[in-house]
C-alpha cells in the first residue's frame, strides 16, 4: 500500500496551524516558544516529505532537516536563557510584563 503525499501534508498542516494559533493566543513566553517549535517541526516534516517525493534517491531534504533541528535546539536554549533572565528581573514570563523593563 503506497501512502500518497496528501496523507503526510494534512498532519503537517494541522501541526503548523496549531503552532500559529498557540503563538498568537498565548501570553506566556514558554508557551509561545513551544508553539514556535511546533511550527518548525511541521516545516521539517515538509522538507523531508518533498525531498522524498520529488527527489527519491537524494538526501538533501534530510540533511537540511538535520541542520534545521540543530539550529532549533540552539535557538531554544538561547530563548530559555533569555526567558530565565527576564523572569529573574521582573518575576513574570508574561509578554505584557516585558514593558516594565524599559529604562
N, C-alpha and C. Protein backbone atom coordinates (compact mmCIF):
# COMPACT_ATOMS: atom_id res chain seq x y z
N UNK A 1 0.84 -1.17 0.00
CA UNK A 1 0.00 0.00 0.00
C UNK A 1 0.88 1.24 0.00
N UNK A 2 0.70 2.10 -0.95
CA UNK A 2 1.51 3.30 -1.09
C UNK A 2 0.74 4.49 -0.51
N UNK A 3 1.37 5.17 0.43
CA UNK A 3 0.76 6.33 1.05
C UNK A 3 1.07 7.56 0.19
N UNK A 4 0.06 8.31 -0.18
CA UNK A 4 0.27 9.45 -1.06
C UNK A 4 0.72 10.67 -0.26
N UNK A 5 1.05 11.70 -0.99
CA UNK A 5 1.59 12.93 -0.41
C UNK A 5 0.60 13.63 0.52
N UNK A 6 -0.66 13.59 0.21
CA UNK A 6 -1.66 14.32 0.99
C UNK A 6 -1.80 13.78 2.41
N UNK A 7 -1.56 12.48 2.60
CA UNK A 7 -1.67 11.90 3.93
C UNK A 7 -0.58 12.38 4.86
N UNK A 8 0.50 12.91 4.32
CA UNK A 8 1.58 13.48 5.14
C UNK A 8 1.42 14.99 5.26
N UNK A 9 0.85 15.62 4.25
CA UNK A 9 0.70 17.08 4.28
C UNK A 9 -0.37 17.53 5.27
N UNK A 10 -1.42 16.78 5.41
CA UNK A 10 -2.51 17.17 6.30
C UNK A 10 -2.05 17.23 7.76
N UNK A 11 -1.37 16.20 8.31
CA UNK A 11 -0.89 16.34 9.70
C UNK A 11 0.13 17.48 9.86
N UNK A 12 0.96 17.68 8.85
CA UNK A 12 1.91 18.79 8.92
C UNK A 12 1.20 20.13 8.93
N UNK A 13 0.17 20.27 8.13
CA UNK A 13 -0.62 21.49 8.10
C UNK A 13 -1.32 21.72 9.43
N UNK A 14 -1.86 20.66 10.00
CA UNK A 14 -2.53 20.77 11.30
C UNK A 14 -1.53 21.19 12.38
N UNK A 15 -0.34 20.60 12.36
CA UNK A 15 0.69 20.99 13.32
C UNK A 15 1.06 22.45 13.17
N UNK A 16 1.25 22.90 11.94
CA UNK A 16 1.63 24.28 11.70
C UNK A 16 0.53 25.24 12.14
N UNK A 17 -0.72 24.91 11.84
CA UNK A 17 -1.83 25.78 12.23
C UNK A 17 -1.99 25.82 13.75
N UNK A 18 -1.79 24.71 14.42
CA UNK A 18 -1.84 24.71 15.89
C UNK A 18 -0.72 25.57 16.47
N UNK A 19 0.44 25.53 15.85
CA UNK A 19 1.55 26.36 16.30
C UNK A 19 1.27 27.84 16.11
N UNK A 20 0.71 28.21 14.97
CA UNK A 20 0.36 29.61 14.72
C UNK A 20 -0.70 30.07 15.71
N UNK A 21 -1.72 29.26 15.91
CA UNK A 21 -2.78 29.61 16.85
C UNK A 21 -2.21 29.76 18.27
N UNK A 22 -1.36 28.84 18.68
CA UNK A 22 -0.77 28.93 20.01
C UNK A 22 0.13 30.14 20.17
N UNK A 23 0.87 30.47 19.13
CA UNK A 23 1.78 31.62 19.21
C UNK A 23 0.99 32.93 19.29
N UNK A 24 -0.12 33.01 18.58
CA UNK A 24 -0.91 34.24 18.57
C UNK A 24 -1.72 34.40 19.86
N UNK A 25 -2.24 33.33 20.40
CA UNK A 25 -3.17 33.43 21.53
C UNK A 25 -2.50 33.37 22.90
N UNK A 26 -1.30 32.85 23.00
CA UNK A 26 -0.67 32.70 24.31
C UNK A 26 -0.01 33.99 24.77
N UNK A 27 0.02 34.20 26.07
CA UNK A 27 0.71 35.34 26.65
C UNK A 27 1.96 34.93 27.39
N UNK A 28 2.11 33.65 27.64
CA UNK A 28 3.27 33.11 28.33
C UNK A 28 4.39 32.86 27.32
N UNK A 29 5.60 33.32 27.63
CA UNK A 29 6.70 33.17 26.67
C UNK A 29 7.10 31.72 26.46
N UNK A 30 6.98 30.88 27.48
CA UNK A 30 7.31 29.45 27.32
C UNK A 30 6.32 28.79 26.37
N UNK A 31 5.04 29.09 26.52
CA UNK A 31 4.03 28.53 25.61
C UNK A 31 4.23 29.03 24.19
N UNK A 32 4.64 30.28 24.04
CA UNK A 32 4.92 30.81 22.71
C UNK A 32 6.12 30.10 22.09
N UNK A 33 7.12 29.81 22.90
CA UNK A 33 8.30 29.08 22.40
C UNK A 33 7.93 27.66 21.97
N UNK A 34 7.07 27.01 22.73
CA UNK A 34 6.62 25.67 22.36
C UNK A 34 5.84 25.71 21.04
N UNK A 35 5.01 26.73 20.87
CA UNK A 35 4.26 26.88 19.62
C UNK A 35 5.19 27.13 18.45
N UNK A 36 6.23 27.91 18.66
CA UNK A 36 7.20 28.17 17.61
C UNK A 36 7.93 26.88 17.22
N UNK A 37 8.27 26.06 18.20
CA UNK A 37 8.92 24.78 17.91
C UNK A 37 7.98 23.84 17.17
N UNK A 38 6.70 23.90 17.47
CA UNK A 38 5.73 23.08 16.75
C UNK A 38 5.67 23.48 15.28
N UNK A 39 5.73 24.78 15.02
CA UNK A 39 5.74 25.24 13.62
C UNK A 39 7.02 24.80 12.92
N UNK A 40 8.16 24.87 13.59
CA UNK A 40 9.41 24.45 12.98
C UNK A 40 9.42 22.95 12.69
N UNK A 41 8.82 22.16 13.56
CA UNK A 41 8.75 20.72 13.31
C UNK A 41 7.84 20.40 12.12
N UNK A 42 6.77 21.16 11.95
CA UNK A 42 5.90 20.96 10.79
C UNK A 42 6.66 21.29 9.50
N UNK A 43 7.47 22.33 9.53
CA UNK A 43 8.27 22.67 8.36
C UNK A 43 9.31 21.58 8.07
N UNK A 44 9.91 21.03 9.11
CA UNK A 44 10.89 19.94 8.92
C UNK A 44 10.24 18.71 8.29
N UNK A 45 9.01 18.41 8.70
CA UNK A 45 8.30 17.29 8.08
C UNK A 45 8.11 17.56 6.59
N UNK A 46 7.78 18.80 6.25
CA UNK A 46 7.59 19.14 4.83
C UNK A 46 8.89 19.04 4.05
N UNK A 47 10.02 19.43 4.64
CA UNK A 47 11.31 19.29 3.96
C UNK A 47 11.57 17.84 3.59
N UNK A 48 11.40 16.95 4.55
CA UNK A 48 11.64 15.53 4.31
C UNK A 48 10.62 14.98 3.32
N UNK A 49 9.40 15.38 3.46
CA UNK A 49 8.33 14.87 2.60
C UNK A 49 8.55 15.25 1.14
N UNK A 50 8.82 16.51 0.89
CA UNK A 50 9.00 16.93 -0.50
C UNK A 50 10.30 16.40 -1.09
N UNK A 51 11.32 16.23 -0.27
CA UNK A 51 12.53 15.59 -0.77
C UNK A 51 12.26 14.14 -1.16
N UNK A 52 11.49 13.46 -0.36
CA UNK A 52 11.19 12.05 -0.63
C UNK A 52 10.38 11.88 -1.91
N UNK A 53 9.42 12.77 -2.15
CA UNK A 53 8.55 12.62 -3.31
C UNK A 53 9.11 13.26 -4.58
N UNK A 54 9.88 14.34 -4.45
CA UNK A 54 10.41 14.99 -5.65
C UNK A 54 11.74 14.41 -6.10
N UNK A 55 12.60 14.08 -5.13
CA UNK A 55 13.93 13.53 -5.43
C UNK A 55 14.15 12.28 -4.58
N UNK A 56 13.57 11.14 -4.94
CA UNK A 56 13.60 9.96 -4.06
C UNK A 56 14.98 9.41 -3.77
N UNK A 57 15.93 9.58 -4.66
CA UNK A 57 17.24 9.00 -4.42
C UNK A 57 18.22 9.91 -3.72
N UNK A 58 17.82 11.14 -3.45
CA UNK A 58 18.75 12.10 -2.86
C UNK A 58 18.39 12.37 -1.41
N UNK A 59 19.36 12.95 -0.68
CA UNK A 59 19.19 13.13 0.75
C UNK A 59 19.26 14.60 1.19
N UNK A 60 19.14 15.56 0.28
CA UNK A 60 19.30 16.95 0.65
C UNK A 60 18.24 17.41 1.65
N UNK A 61 17.01 16.99 1.48
CA UNK A 61 15.95 17.37 2.41
C UNK A 61 16.20 16.85 3.80
N UNK A 62 16.73 15.62 3.90
CA UNK A 62 17.02 15.05 5.20
C UNK A 62 18.17 15.80 5.88
N UNK A 63 19.20 16.13 5.13
CA UNK A 63 20.33 16.86 5.70
C UNK A 63 19.91 18.27 6.12
N UNK A 64 19.09 18.91 5.29
CA UNK A 64 18.61 20.24 5.64
C UNK A 64 17.76 20.18 6.90
N UNK A 65 16.97 19.13 7.06
CA UNK A 65 16.17 18.96 8.26
C UNK A 65 17.04 18.75 9.49
N UNK A 66 18.12 17.97 9.35
CA UNK A 66 19.02 17.79 10.49
C UNK A 66 19.66 19.11 10.91
N UNK A 67 20.06 19.92 9.95
CA UNK A 67 20.61 21.22 10.29
C UNK A 67 19.55 22.12 10.92
N UNK A 68 18.34 22.06 10.42
CA UNK A 68 17.26 22.86 10.98
C UNK A 68 16.94 22.44 12.41
N UNK A 69 17.01 21.15 12.70
CA UNK A 69 16.78 20.68 14.07
C UNK A 69 17.89 21.15 14.99
N UNK A 70 19.13 21.12 14.52
CA UNK A 70 20.25 21.60 15.33
C UNK A 70 20.13 23.09 15.61
N UNK A 71 19.75 23.86 14.61
CA UNK A 71 19.58 25.30 14.81
C UNK A 71 18.40 25.56 15.75
N UNK A 72 17.34 24.79 15.62
CA UNK A 72 16.19 24.95 16.51
C UNK A 72 16.55 24.63 17.96
N UNK A 73 17.41 23.64 18.17
CA UNK A 73 17.84 23.31 19.53
C UNK A 73 18.67 24.45 20.13
N UNK A 74 19.55 25.03 19.32
CA UNK A 74 20.35 26.17 19.80
C UNK A 74 19.45 27.38 20.06
N UNK A 75 18.48 27.60 19.20
CA UNK A 75 17.55 28.71 19.38
C UNK A 75 16.72 28.52 20.64
N UNK A 76 16.30 27.31 20.92
CA UNK A 76 15.53 27.04 22.12
C UNK A 76 16.35 27.26 23.37
N UNK A 77 17.60 26.82 23.36
CA UNK A 77 18.47 27.03 24.52
C UNK A 77 18.68 28.52 24.78
N UNK A 78 18.91 29.28 23.73
CA UNK A 78 19.09 30.72 23.87
C UNK A 78 17.81 31.39 24.35
N UNK A 79 16.67 31.00 23.80
CA UNK A 79 15.40 31.60 24.21
C UNK A 79 15.08 31.29 25.66
N UNK A 80 15.35 30.08 26.11
CA UNK A 80 15.10 29.73 27.51
C UNK A 80 16.03 30.52 28.43
N UNK A 81 17.28 30.74 28.02
CA UNK A 81 18.19 31.56 28.82
C UNK A 81 17.69 32.99 28.93
N UNK A 82 17.18 33.53 27.84
CA UNK A 82 16.63 34.89 27.86
C UNK A 82 15.39 34.94 28.76
N UNK A 83 14.53 33.94 28.65
CA UNK A 83 13.31 33.90 29.47
C UNK A 83 13.66 33.79 30.95
N UNK A 84 14.68 33.02 31.29
CA UNK A 84 15.10 32.91 32.69
C UNK A 84 15.62 34.24 33.20
N UNK A 85 16.40 34.96 32.40
CA UNK A 85 16.89 36.28 32.82
C UNK A 85 15.75 37.28 32.97
N UNK A 86 14.78 37.23 32.09
CA UNK A 86 13.61 38.11 32.22
C UNK A 86 12.85 37.78 33.49
N UNK A 87 12.69 36.49 33.77
CA UNK A 87 11.98 36.10 34.99
C UNK A 87 12.72 36.55 36.24
N UNK A 88 14.04 36.48 36.23
CA UNK A 88 14.81 36.93 37.39
C UNK A 88 14.66 38.42 37.63
N UNK A 89 14.52 39.19 36.57
CA UNK A 89 14.47 40.64 36.78
C UNK A 89 13.06 41.16 37.05
N UNK A 90 12.02 40.61 36.41
CA UNK A 90 10.68 41.16 36.61
C UNK A 90 9.69 40.16 37.22
N UNK A 91 10.12 38.95 37.51
CA UNK A 91 9.32 37.93 38.20
C UNK A 91 8.06 37.49 37.46
N UNK A 92 8.07 37.56 36.13
CA UNK A 92 6.96 37.05 35.33
C UNK A 92 7.48 36.66 33.96
N UNK A 93 6.76 35.74 33.33
CA UNK A 93 7.12 35.34 31.96
C UNK A 93 6.01 35.70 30.99
N UNK A 94 5.10 36.56 31.43
CA UNK A 94 4.05 37.03 30.53
C UNK A 94 4.59 38.12 29.62
N UNK A 95 4.09 38.16 28.41
CA UNK A 95 4.58 39.11 27.42
C UNK A 95 4.21 40.54 27.83
N UNK A 96 3.06 40.75 28.47
CA UNK A 96 2.66 42.09 28.86
C UNK A 96 3.58 42.68 29.93
N UNK A 97 4.26 41.83 30.69
CA UNK A 97 5.14 42.32 31.75
C UNK A 97 6.49 42.80 31.26
N UNK A 98 6.79 42.58 29.99
CA UNK A 98 8.12 42.93 29.48
C UNK A 98 8.27 44.44 29.33
N UNK A 99 7.17 45.18 29.18
CA UNK A 99 7.31 46.63 29.02
C UNK A 99 7.82 47.30 30.30
N UNK A 100 7.85 46.59 31.40
CA UNK A 100 8.40 47.12 32.65
C UNK A 100 9.92 47.21 32.61
N UNK A 101 10.54 46.57 31.60
CA UNK A 101 12.00 46.58 31.51
C UNK A 101 12.54 47.82 30.82
N UNK A 102 11.68 48.73 30.40
CA UNK A 102 12.14 49.93 29.73
C UNK A 102 12.94 50.80 30.72
N UNK A 103 13.80 51.64 30.17
CA UNK A 103 14.64 52.49 31.02
C UNK A 103 13.83 53.55 31.72
